[in-house]
C-alpha atoms as a PDB file:
ATOM      1  CA  MET A   1      -5.611 -42.569 -30.146  1.00  0.00           C
ATOM      2  CA  LYS A   2      -3.822 -40.623 -32.562  1.00  0.00           C
ATOM      3  CA  VAL A   3      -5.083 -40.570 -36.174  1.00  0.00           C
ATOM      4  CA  ASN A   4      -3.434 -39.911 -39.214  1.00  0.00           C
ATOM      5  CA  SER A   5      -5.429 -38.604 -42.263  1.00  0.00           C
ATOM      6  CA  TYR A   6      -3.759 -39.034 -45.522  1.00  0.00           C
ATOM      7  CA  SER A   7      -5.165 -36.601 -47.905  1.00  0.00           C
ATOM      8  CA  ILE A   8      -3.450 -38.401 -50.807  1.00  0.00           C
ATOM      9  CA  ASP A   9      -5.844 -41.571 -50.170  1.00  0.00           C
ATOM     10  CA  THR A  10      -8.963 -42.093 -52.143  1.00  0.00           C
ATOM     11  CA  PHE A  11     -12.033 -44.194 -51.455  1.00  0.00           C
ATOM     12  CA  TRP A  12     -12.770 -47.356 -53.397  1.00  0.00           C
ATOM     13  CA  ASN A  13     -15.825 -47.182 -56.345  1.00  0.00           C
ATOM     14  CA  LEU A  14     -18.105 -49.718 -54.518  1.00  0.00           C
ATOM     15  CA  GLU A  15     -20.625 -49.456 -57.161  1.00  0.00           C
ATOM     16  CA  LYS A  16     -21.090 -52.549 -59.220  1.00  0.00           C
ATOM     17  CA  PRO A  17     -19.063 -51.749 -62.631  1.00  0.00           C
ATOM     18  CA  LEU A  18     -21.521 -51.793 -66.077  1.00  0.00           C
ATOM     19  CA  ILE A  19     -20.773 -55.342 -67.547  1.00  0.00           C
ATOM     20  CA  PRO A  20     -21.516 -55.082 -71.551  1.00  0.00           C
ATOM     21  CA  ARG A  21     -24.243 -57.697 -72.413  1.00  0.00           C
ATOM     22  CA  ARG A  22     -22.937 -60.826 -73.723  1.00  0.00           C
ATOM     23  CA  SER A  23     -24.032 -62.322 -77.082  1.00  0.00           C
ATOM     24  CA  GLN A  24     -24.400 -66.170 -77.650  1.00  0.00           C
ATOM     25  CA  LEU A  25     -22.404 -66.089 -81.107  1.00  0.00           C
ATOM     26  CA  PHE A  26     -19.462 -63.451 -81.707  1.00  0.00           C
ATOM     27  CA  PRO A  27     -20.620 -60.919 -83.020  1.00  0.00           C
ATOM     28  CA  LEU A  28     -19.141 -60.997 -86.466  1.00  0.00           C
ATOM     29  CA  GLN A  29     -19.087 -57.545 -88.272  1.00  0.00           C
ATOM     30  CA  PRO A  30     -20.077 -57.176 -91.805  1.00  0.00           C
ATOM     31  CA  ILE A  31     -18.354 -56.206 -94.705  1.00  0.00           C
ATOM     32  CA  GLY A  32     -19.015 -53.297 -96.591  1.00  0.00           C
ATOM     33  CA  ILE A  33     -21.668 -51.666 -95.082  1.00  0.00           C
ATOM     34  CA  SER A  34     -22.618 -48.375 -96.796  1.00  0.00           C
ATOM     35  CA  THR A  35     -20.803 -49.363 -99.918  1.00  0.00           C
ATOM     36  CA  LEU A  36     -21.583 -51.104-103.191  1.00  0.00           C
ATOM     37  CA  HIS A  37     -19.315 -53.919-102.172  1.00  0.00           C
ATOM     38  CA  VAL A  38     -22.103 -54.830 -98.809  1.00  0.00           C
ATOM     39  CA  GLU A  39     -22.164 -58.143 -97.900  1.00  0.00           C
ATOM     40  CA  SER A  40     -24.944 -60.504 -98.576  1.00  0.00           C
ATOM     41  CA  LEU A  41     -27.221 -61.825 -95.702  1.00  0.00           C
ATOM     42  CA  THR A  42     -27.102 -65.384 -97.602  1.00  0.00           C
ATOM     43  CA  GLY A  43     -22.884 -64.911 -96.823  1.00  0.00           C
ATOM     44  CA  TYR A  44     -22.922 -63.492 -94.105  1.00  0.00           C
ATOM     45  CA  ILE A  45     -24.804 -66.886 -92.631  1.00  0.00           C
ATOM     46  CA  ALA A  46     -22.131 -69.072 -93.936  1.00  0.00           C
ATOM     47  CA  ARG A  47     -19.634 -66.690 -92.457  1.00  0.00           C
ATOM     48  CA  LEU A  48     -20.906 -66.807 -88.840  1.00  0.00           C
ATOM     49  CA  ALA A  49     -21.235 -70.885 -89.506  1.00  0.00           C
ATOM     50  CA  GLN A  50     -17.640 -70.640 -90.884  1.00  0.00           C
ATOM     51  CA  TYR A  51     -16.593 -69.250 -88.103  1.00  0.00           C
ATOM     52  CA  HIS A  52     -17.775 -70.949 -85.866  1.00  0.00           C
ATOM     53  CA  GLY A  53     -16.537 -74.405 -87.149  1.00  0.00           C
ATOM     54  CA  LEU A  54     -20.291 -75.334 -87.943  1.00  0.00           C
ATOM     55  CA  THR A  55     -21.892 -75.631 -91.074  1.00  0.00           C
ATOM     56  CA  THR A  56     -24.983 -72.967 -92.245  1.00  0.00           C
ATOM     57  CA  LYS A  57     -27.527 -75.691 -91.412  1.00  0.00           C
ATOM     58  CA  GLU A  58     -26.399 -76.656 -88.039  1.00  0.00           C
ATOM     59  CA  LEU A  59     -25.851 -72.784 -87.245  1.00  0.00           C
ATOM     60  CA  LEU A  60     -29.582 -72.343 -88.051  1.00  0.00           C
ATOM     61  CA  LEU A  61     -30.873 -75.519 -86.719  1.00  0.00           C
ATOM     62  CA  CYS A  62     -28.790 -75.400 -83.751  1.00  0.00           C
ATOM     63  CA  GLU A  63     -28.690 -71.701 -82.601  1.00  0.00           C
ATOM     64  CA  VAL A  64     -31.110 -69.316 -85.130  1.00  0.00           C
ATOM     65  CA  PHE A  65     -33.927 -71.258 -85.240  1.00  0.00           C
ATOM     66  CA  PRO A  66     -34.786 -72.480 -81.974  1.00  0.00           C
ATOM     67  CA  LEU A  67     -34.738 -68.516 -80.607  1.00  0.00           C
ATOM     68  CA  MET A  68     -37.178 -67.942 -83.545  1.00  0.00           C
ATOM     69  CA  TYR A  69     -39.501 -70.578 -82.394  1.00  0.00           C
ATOM     70  CA  TYR A  70     -39.378 -69.640 -79.154  1.00  0.00           C
ATOM     71  CA  ARG A  71     -40.665 -65.869 -79.833  1.00  0.00           C
ATOM     72  CA  GLY A  72     -43.482 -67.755 -81.425  1.00  0.00           C
ATOM     73  CA  PHE A  73     -42.238 -67.958 -85.022  1.00  0.00           C
ATOM     74  CA  GLN A  74     -43.507 -71.457 -86.561  1.00  0.00           C
ATOM     75  CA  ILE A  75     -40.874 -73.891 -87.831  1.00  0.00           C
ATOM     76  CA  ASN A  76     -41.363 -77.265 -89.376  1.00  0.00           C
ATOM     77  CA  SER A  77     -39.657 -79.545 -92.041  1.00  0.00           C
ATOM     78  CA  GLN A  78     -41.129 -77.214 -94.623  1.00  0.00           C
ATOM     79  CA  THR A  79     -39.519 -73.819 -93.324  1.00  0.00           C
ATOM     80  CA  ILE A  80     -36.130 -76.304 -93.756  1.00  0.00           C
ATOM     81  CA  GLU A  81     -36.906 -77.370 -97.030  1.00  0.00           C
ATOM     82  CA  ARG A  82     -37.696 -74.054 -98.814  1.00  0.00           C
ATOM     83  CA  LEU A  83     -34.905 -72.243 -97.067  1.00  0.00           C
ATOM     84  CA  PHE A  84     -32.049 -74.569 -98.605  1.00  0.00           C
ATOM     85  CA  GLY A  85     -34.201 -75.816-101.487  1.00  0.00           C
ATOM     86  CA  SER A  86     -33.990 -75.011-105.012  1.00  0.00           C
ATOM     87  CA  CYS A  87     -36.507 -71.935-104.759  1.00  0.00           C
ATOM     88  CA  GLY A  88     -33.516 -70.321-102.452  1.00  0.00           C
ATOM     89  CA  SER A  89     -36.749 -68.070-100.314  1.00  0.00           C
ATOM     90  CA  LEU A  90     -33.882 -65.701 -98.772  1.00  0.00           C
ATOM     91  CA  THR A  91     -33.115 -64.503-102.213  1.00  0.00           C
ATOM     92  CA  GLN A  92     -36.559 -64.826-103.538  1.00  0.00           C
ATOM     93  CA  GLU A  93     -37.208 -62.879-100.613  1.00  0.00           C
ATOM     94  CA  ASN A  94     -34.331 -60.215-101.647  1.00  0.00           C
ATOM     95  CA  GLU A  95     -33.120 -61.260 -98.252  1.00  0.00           C
ATOM     96  CA  ILE A  96     -35.645 -58.974 -96.283  1.00  0.00           C
ATOM     97  CA  ARG A  97     -39.024 -59.212 -97.460  1.00  0.00           C
ATOM     98  CA  GLY A  98     -41.117 -61.966 -95.823  1.00  0.00           C
ATOM     99  CA  GLU A  99     -41.894 -62.838 -92.451  1.00  0.00           C
ATOM    100  CA  LEU A 100     -39.086 -65.697 -92.445  1.00  0.00           C
ATOM    101  CA  ALA A 101     -35.984 -63.174 -93.681  1.00  0.00           C
ATOM    102  CA  GLN A 102     -37.339 -60.768 -90.981  1.00  0.00           C
ATOM    103  CA  ARG A 103     -37.260 -63.178 -88.361  1.00  0.00           C
ATOM    104  CA  LEU A 104     -34.028 -64.434 -89.594  1.00  0.00           C
ATOM    105  CA  VAL A 105     -32.608 -61.219 -89.043  1.00  0.00           C
ATOM    106  CA  GLN A 106     -33.700 -60.209 -86.002  1.00  0.00           C
ATOM    107  CA  ALA A 107     -32.745 -63.032 -84.394  1.00  0.00           C
ATOM    108  CA  LEU A 108     -29.279 -63.324 -85.545  1.00  0.00           C
ATOM    109  CA  LYS A 109     -29.157 -59.392 -84.681  1.00  0.00           C
ATOM    110  CA  ASP A 110     -30.187 -60.930 -81.300  1.00  0.00           C
ATOM    111  CA  LEU A 111     -27.364 -63.573 -81.434  1.00  0.00           C
ATOM    112  CA  THR A 112     -24.742 -61.789 -82.298  1.00  0.00           C
ATOM    113  CA  GLY A 113     -25.159 -58.140 -80.472  1.00  0.00           C
ATOM    114  CA  ARG A 114     -25.217 -56.447 -83.671  1.00  0.00           C
ATOM    115  CA  GLN A 115     -27.289 -54.207 -84.890  1.00  0.00           C
ATOM    116  CA  ASP A 116     -26.319 -53.143 -88.543  1.00  0.00           C
ATOM    117  CA  LEU A 117     -27.239 -56.752 -89.634  1.00  0.00           C
ATOM    118  CA  CYS A 118     -30.913 -54.873 -91.274  1.00  0.00           C
ATOM    119  CA  GLN A 119     -28.047 -52.861 -93.478  1.00  0.00           C
ATOM    120  CA  LEU A 120     -26.832 -55.567 -95.489  1.00  0.00           C
ATOM    121  CA  SER A 121     -29.739 -55.306 -97.254  1.00  0.00           C
ATOM    122  CA  LEU A 122     -29.947 -52.554-100.154  1.00  0.00           C
ATOM    123  CA  LEU A 123     -33.115 -53.940-101.304  1.00  0.00           C
ATOM    124  CA  ARG A 124     -35.432 -52.310 -98.691  1.00  0.00           C
ATOM    125  CA  TRP A 125     -37.546 -49.774-100.858  1.00  0.00           C
ATOM    126  CA  ALA A 126     -37.983 -52.155-103.810  1.00  0.00           C
ATOM    127  CA  SER A 127     -39.240 -54.792-101.973  1.00  0.00           C
ATOM    128  CA  GLU A 128     -42.076 -52.653-101.106  1.00  0.00           C
ATOM    129  CA  ILE A 129     -42.720 -52.162-104.691  1.00  0.00           C
ATOM    130  CA  PHE A 130     -42.264 -54.852-106.753  1.00  0.00           C
ATOM    131  CA  ALA A 131     -43.813 -57.914-105.843  1.00  0.00           C
ATOM    132  CA  PHE A 132     -40.523 -60.241-107.873  1.00  0.00           C
ATOM    133  CA  SER A 133     -37.239 -61.117-106.960  1.00  0.00           C
ATOM    134  CA  LEU A 134     -34.107 -58.704-107.773  1.00  0.00           C
ATOM    135  CA  LEU A 135     -31.891 -61.163-106.514  1.00  0.00           C
ATOM    136  CA  GLN A 136     -31.200 -64.454-108.050  1.00  0.00           C
ATOM    137  CA  PRO A 137     -31.501 -67.703-106.213  1.00  0.00           C
ATOM    138  CA  TYR A 138     -28.238 -69.186-108.204  1.00  0.00           C
ATOM    139  CA  GLN A 139     -24.753 -67.366-106.579  1.00  0.00           C
ATOM    140  CA  SER A 140     -22.778 -66.020-108.824  1.00  0.00           C
ATOM    141  CA  TRP A 141     -18.715 -65.218-108.043  1.00  0.00           C
ATOM    142  CA  CYS A 142     -15.804 -63.721-109.878  1.00  0.00           C
ATOM    143  CA  PRO A 143     -12.755 -65.902-109.411  1.00  0.00           C
ATOM    144  CA  ILE A 144     -10.196 -63.113-109.302  1.00  0.00           C
ATOM    145  CA  CYS A 145     -11.768 -61.343-106.626  1.00  0.00           C
ATOM    146  CA  TYR A 146     -11.539 -64.438-104.896  1.00  0.00           C
ATOM    147  CA  GLN A 147      -8.099 -65.330-105.817  1.00  0.00           C
ATOM    148  CA  ASP A 148      -7.049 -61.616-104.727  1.00  0.00           C
ATOM    149  CA  TRP A 149      -8.195 -62.068-101.703  1.00  0.00           C
ATOM    150  CA  ARG A 150      -6.690 -65.443-100.697  1.00  0.00           C
ATOM    151  CA  ASN A 151      -3.340 -64.673-101.969  1.00  0.00           C
ATOM    152  CA  ASN A 152      -3.367 -61.076 -99.411  1.00  0.00           C
ATOM    153  CA  ASP A 153      -4.715 -63.159 -96.511  1.00  0.00           C
ATOM    154  CA  LEU A 154      -8.025 -61.072 -96.672  1.00  0.00           C
ATOM    155  CA  ILE A 155     -11.739 -62.178 -95.650  1.00  0.00           C
ATOM    156  CA  ILE A 156     -13.116 -64.790 -98.408  1.00  0.00           C
ATOM    157  CA  TYR A 157     -16.630 -63.029 -98.739  1.00  0.00           C
ATOM    158  CA  THR A 158     -20.028 -62.328-101.140  1.00  0.00           C
ATOM    159  CA  PRO A 159     -20.909 -59.119-102.170  1.00  0.00           C
ATOM    160  CA  LEU A 160     -24.296 -58.795-102.678  1.00  0.00           C
ATOM    161  CA  LEU A 161     -23.836 -57.070-106.360  1.00  0.00           C
ATOM    162  CA  TRP A 162     -22.871 -60.865-106.821  1.00  0.00           C
ATOM    163  CA  LEU A 163     -26.916 -61.543-106.533  1.00  0.00           C
ATOM    164  CA  LEU A 164     -28.759 -59.369-108.747  1.00  0.00           C
ATOM    165  CA  VAL A 165     -30.255 -60.540-111.446  1.00  0.00           C
ATOM    166  CA  ASP A 166     -28.798 -60.159-114.815  1.00  0.00           C
ATOM    167  CA  ASN A 167     -26.028 -58.340-113.399  1.00  0.00           C
ATOM    168  CA  ASP A 168     -22.529 -60.512-115.000  1.00  0.00           C
ATOM    169  CA  VAL A 169     -19.774 -58.137-114.533  1.00  0.00           C
ATOM    170  CA  CYS A 170     -17.149 -57.394-111.895  1.00  0.00           C
ATOM    171  CA  LEU A 171     -16.868 -54.345-110.443  1.00  0.00           C
ATOM    172  CA  ARG A 172     -13.747 -54.529-109.527  1.00  0.00           C
ATOM    173  CA  HIS A 173     -12.758 -56.555-112.408  1.00  0.00           C
ATOM    174  CA  PRO A 174     -14.848 -55.087-115.336  1.00  0.00           C
ATOM    175  CA  HIS A 175     -13.043 -57.229-118.115  1.00  0.00           C
ATOM    176  CA  GLN A 176     -14.391 -60.202-115.401  1.00  0.00           C
ATOM    177  CA  LYS A 177     -17.463 -62.055-116.336  1.00  0.00           C
ATOM    178  CA  LEU A 178     -18.903 -63.118-113.178  1.00  0.00           C
ATOM    179  CA  LEU A 179     -19.175 -66.983-113.154  1.00  0.00           C
ATOM    180  CA  ALA A 180     -22.099 -69.110-112.207  1.00  0.00           C
ATOM    181  CA  LYS A 181     -21.054 -72.821-113.155  1.00  0.00           C
ATOM    182  CA  CYS A 182     -18.511 -74.638-110.550  1.00  0.00           C
ATOM    183  CA  PRO A 183     -15.394 -75.245-113.195  1.00  0.00           C
ATOM    184  CA  ASN A 184     -14.554 -78.321-111.567  1.00  0.00           C
ATOM    185  CA  CYS A 185     -18.108 -80.168-111.136  1.00  0.00           C
ATOM    186  CA  GLN A 186     -19.555 -77.822-114.088  1.00  0.00           C
ATOM    187  CA  LEU A 187     -22.500 -77.356-111.492  1.00  0.00           C
ATOM    188  CA  ARG A 188     -24.640 -74.610-110.080  1.00  0.00           C
ATOM    189  CA  PHE A 189     -25.544 -73.907-106.246  1.00  0.00           C
ATOM    190  CA  LEU A 190     -27.746 -72.098-104.648  1.00  0.00           C
ATOM    191  CA  ALA A 191     -26.507 -68.713-102.566  1.00  0.00           C
ATOM    192  CA  LEU A 192     -27.831 -70.184 -99.771  1.00  0.00           C
ATOM    193  CA  THR A 193     -26.899 -74.218 -99.190  1.00  0.00           C
ATOM    194  CA  GLU A 194     -26.796 -76.694 -95.824  1.00  0.00           C
ATOM    195  CA  GLN A 195     -22.572 -76.068 -96.411  1.00  0.00           C
ATOM    196  CA  SER A 196     -22.143 -72.738 -97.907  1.00  0.00           C
ATOM    197  CA  CYS A 197     -18.318 -71.417 -97.012  1.00  0.00           C
ATOM    198  CA  PRO A 198     -17.492 -68.644 -99.178  1.00  0.00           C
ATOM    199  CA  GLY A 199     -15.174 -68.826-102.017  1.00  0.00           C
ATOM    200  CA  TYR A 200     -16.076 -72.879-102.313  1.00  0.00           C
ATOM    201  CA  CYS A 201     -18.445 -75.058-104.309  1.00  0.00           C
ATOM    202  CA  SER A 202     -21.338 -76.294-102.307  1.00  0.00           C
ATOM    203  CA  ASN A 203     -21.237 -79.475-104.740  1.00  0.00           C
ATOM    204  CA  CYS A 204     -17.617 -80.383-105.175  1.00  0.00           C
ATOM    205  CA  HIS A 205     -16.241 -78.212-102.002  1.00  0.00           C
ATOM    206  CA  GLN A 206     -13.193 -76.860-104.678  1.00  0.00           C
ATOM    207  CA  TRP A 207     -11.490 -73.879-104.380  1.00  0.00           C
ATOM    208  CA  LEU A 208     -13.543 -71.097-107.113  1.00  0.00           C
ATOM    209  CA  GLY A 209     -10.591 -68.083-107.049  1.00  0.00           C
ATOM    210  CA  HIS A 210      -7.966 -68.441-110.406  1.00  0.00           C
ATOM    211  CA  ALA A 211      -5.693 -65.466-111.078  1.00  0.00           C
ATOM    212  CA  GLN A 212      -7.087 -65.390-114.823  1.00  0.00           C
ATOM    213  CA  SER A 213     -10.595 -66.433-116.285  1.00  0.00           C
ATOM    214  CA  GLU A 214     -11.471 -67.543-119.930  1.00  0.00           C
ATOM    215  CA  ILE A 215     -14.736 -65.793-119.914  1.00  0.00           C
ATOM    216  CA  ILE A 216     -14.279 -62.065-120.738  1.00  0.00           C
ATOM    217  CA  CYS A 217     -16.573 -59.941-120.928  1.00  0.00           C
ATOM    218  CA  GLU A 218     -16.201 -57.559-123.826  1.00  0.00           C
ATOM    219  CA  ASN A 219     -16.587 -53.382-123.416  1.00  0.00           C
ATOM    220  CA  ALA A 220     -17.073 -53.502-119.691  1.00  0.00           C
ATOM    221  CA  CYS A 221     -14.280 -51.694-118.735  1.00  0.00           C
ATOM    222  CA  ASN A 222     -16.080 -48.597-120.092  1.00  0.00           C
ATOM    223  CA  GLU A 223     -19.528 -49.121-118.877  1.00  0.00           C
ATOM    224  CA  TRP A 224     -17.695 -49.388-115.377  1.00  0.00           C
ATOM    225  CA  GLN A 225     -15.899 -46.464-115.668  1.00  0.00           C
ATOM    226  CA  ALA A 226     -19.076 -44.754-115.630  1.00  0.00           C
ATOM    227  CA  ILE A 227     -19.921 -45.075-112.414  1.00  0.00           C
ATOM    228  CA  PHE A 228     -17.424 -43.058-110.944  1.00  0.00           C
ATOM    229  CA  ASP A 229     -16.764 -40.624-113.501  1.00  0.00           C
ATOM    230  CA  ASP A 230     -18.995 -37.508-112.020  1.00  0.00           C
ATOM    231  CA  SER A 231     -19.179 -35.506-115.762  1.00  0.00           C
ATOM    232  CA  VAL A 232     -21.490 -37.907-117.354  1.00  0.00           C
ATOM    233  CA  ASP A 233     -24.539 -39.712-116.387  1.00  0.00           C
ATOM    234  CA  HIS A 234     -24.247 -42.809-114.461  1.00  0.00           C
ATOM    235  CA  GLY A 235     -23.701 -45.521-116.821  1.00  0.00           C
ATOM    236  CA  LEU A 236     -25.064 -48.164-114.252  1.00  0.00           C
ATOM    237  CA  HIS A 237     -27.312 -51.212-115.185  1.00  0.00           C
ATOM    238  CA  TRP A 238     -30.907 -50.827-114.853  1.00  0.00           C
ATOM    239  CA  GLN A 239     -31.228 -53.079-112.006  1.00  0.00           C
ATOM    240  CA  TYR A 240     -28.741 -50.844-109.899  1.00  0.00           C
ATOM    241  CA  TRP A 241     -31.273 -48.019-109.775  1.00  0.00           C
ATOM    242  CA  TRP A 242     -33.239 -50.495-107.178  1.00  0.00           C
ATOM    243  CA  LEU A 243     -30.632 -50.048-104.733  1.00  0.00           C
ATOM    244  CA  ASP A 244     -31.284 -48.259-101.458  1.00  0.00           C
ATOM    245  CA  ASP A 245     -29.571 -44.252-102.093  1.00  0.00           C
ATOM    246  CA  ILE A 246     -27.600 -45.729-105.016  1.00  0.00           C
ATOM    247  CA  GLU A 247     -25.574 -41.927-105.519  1.00  0.00           C
ATOM    248  CA  GLN A 248     -24.811 -42.423-101.888  1.00  0.00           C
ATOM    249  CA  LEU A 249     -23.286 -45.729-102.357  1.00  0.00           C
ATOM    250  CA  VAL A 250     -20.879 -44.771-105.501  1.00  0.00           C
ATOM    251  CA  ALA A 251     -19.946 -41.640-103.448  1.00  0.00           C
ATOM    252  CA  ASN A 252     -19.027 -43.933-100.495  1.00  0.00           C
ATOM    253  CA  THR A 253     -17.229 -46.675-102.614  1.00  0.00           C
ATOM    254  CA  PRO A 254     -13.688 -46.324-103.114  1.00  0.00           C
ATOM    255  CA  SER A 255     -11.983 -47.700-106.128  1.00  0.00           C
ATOM    256  CA  SER A 256     -10.133 -49.622-104.062  1.00  0.00           C
ATOM    257  CA  PHE A 257     -11.993 -51.245-101.465  1.00  0.00           C
ATOM    258  CA  LEU A 258     -10.609 -54.419-100.212  1.00  0.00           C
ATOM    259  CA  PRO A 259     -11.912 -56.539 -97.526  1.00  0.00           C
ATOM    260  CA  PRO A 260     -10.276 -56.590 -94.312  1.00  0.00           C
ATOM    261  CA  LYS A 261      -8.123 -58.717 -93.126  1.00  0.00           C
ATOM    262  CA  HIS A 262      -8.837 -62.554 -92.823  1.00  0.00           C
ATOM    263  CA  ILE A 263      -8.842 -63.202 -88.887  1.00  0.00           C
ATOM    264  CA  PRO A 264      -8.666 -66.855 -87.627  1.00  0.00           C
ATOM    265  CA  SER A 265     -11.684 -68.735 -86.037  1.00  0.00           C
ATOM    266  CA  ILE A 266     -12.184 -69.218 -82.868  1.00  0.00           C
ATOM    267  CA  ASP A 267     -12.724 -72.269 -81.037  1.00  0.00           C
ATOM    268  CA  PRO A 268     -15.713 -74.825 -81.582  1.00  0.00           C
ATOM    269  CA  ASN A 269     -15.569 -76.021 -78.441  1.00  0.00           C
ATOM    270  CA  GLN A 270     -16.187 -72.801 -76.582  1.00  0.00           C
ATOM    271  CA  PHE A 271     -19.846 -73.177 -77.560  1.00  0.00           C
ATOM    272  CA  PRO A 272     -20.805 -76.777 -76.043  1.00  0.00           C
ATOM    273  CA  LEU A 273     -24.601 -75.640 -76.406  1.00  0.00           C
ATOM    274  CA  VAL A 274     -24.442 -76.313 -80.147  1.00  0.00           C
ATOM    275  CA  VAL A 275     -23.994 -79.937 -79.887  1.00  0.00           C
ATOM    276  CA  HIS A 276     -26.586 -80.510 -77.192  1.00  0.00           C
ATOM    277  CA  GLN A 277     -28.774 -78.173 -79.448  1.00  0.00           C
ATOM    278  CA  VAL A 278     -28.878 -80.956 -82.082  1.00  0.00           C
ATOM    279  CA  ASN A 279     -31.249 -83.080 -79.868  1.00  0.00           C
ATOM    280  CA  PHE A 280     -33.743 -79.845 -79.733  1.00  0.00           C
ATOM    281  CA  ALA A 281     -34.303 -79.485 -83.526  1.00  0.00           C
ATOM    282  CA  ARG A 282     -34.533 -83.285 -83.877  1.00  0.00           C
ATOM    283  CA  PHE A 283     -37.118 -83.322 -81.415  1.00  0.00           C
ATOM    284  CA  TYR A 284     -39.273 -80.427 -83.287  1.00  0.00           C
ATOM    285  CA  GLY A 285     -38.760 -82.835 -86.228  1.00  0.00           C
ATOM    286  CA  TRP A 286     -36.517 -80.184 -88.485  1.00  0.00           C
ATOM    287  CA  VAL A 287     -33.631 -83.059 -88.790  1.00  0.00           C
END
């Protein structure tokens, strides 16, 4: 029998294709990496929980803490209380120092598949030198930033700069003093609470942004203008020199920096394990 050969035919590649590793949680991209506008770790946790349709407590208890416990980190009710309590343990540890902060970051890296989460902290070298905290436990914010981002359908997030101690001026709006009390309930709230949501008060859950503010920081424009003026000594607040590679951060920060466009949240029904793992947290007495 005569067999016709076709030179144009190619053999199929029967090798098993390489499939990227799937992550348990959505690989949410942190905002402002390598700039002065980098996102805080506590703010990233709140955004990650919001993206999955969960509270921050549900995310940590049902996804993050079980992985940390499986890897040998002892978690109990005191750990939960210390994380969400009045001490604000993450900010007290500069979001990078201490076993809790380090194990938490590693668990988030493994669950999201993002290896750049360690860059959310700009206080690595300072945390090794100073024993005191460089971050305040209570959240501060710029209401004009929040409102601008909301009006332009941009992602609402929490910059790390807003948590620096004694920093009370917005980098994008030098005339605006950072607020520390909710204008609706007149209460402060921690940087990480059980129901943290960027842009909203953790106590009354009201929106924190508005176009104009009655609290103005005088003579702040010249102070912040000096940050981007190479011809003079950088007029940075004293605590800004604690940041890692501060001059490089300033050079990488565009004056017109804005967070990316808002993306819709995913369907929480795609993550049924979250519901079932509540029993895991209850079994170990975490809730």
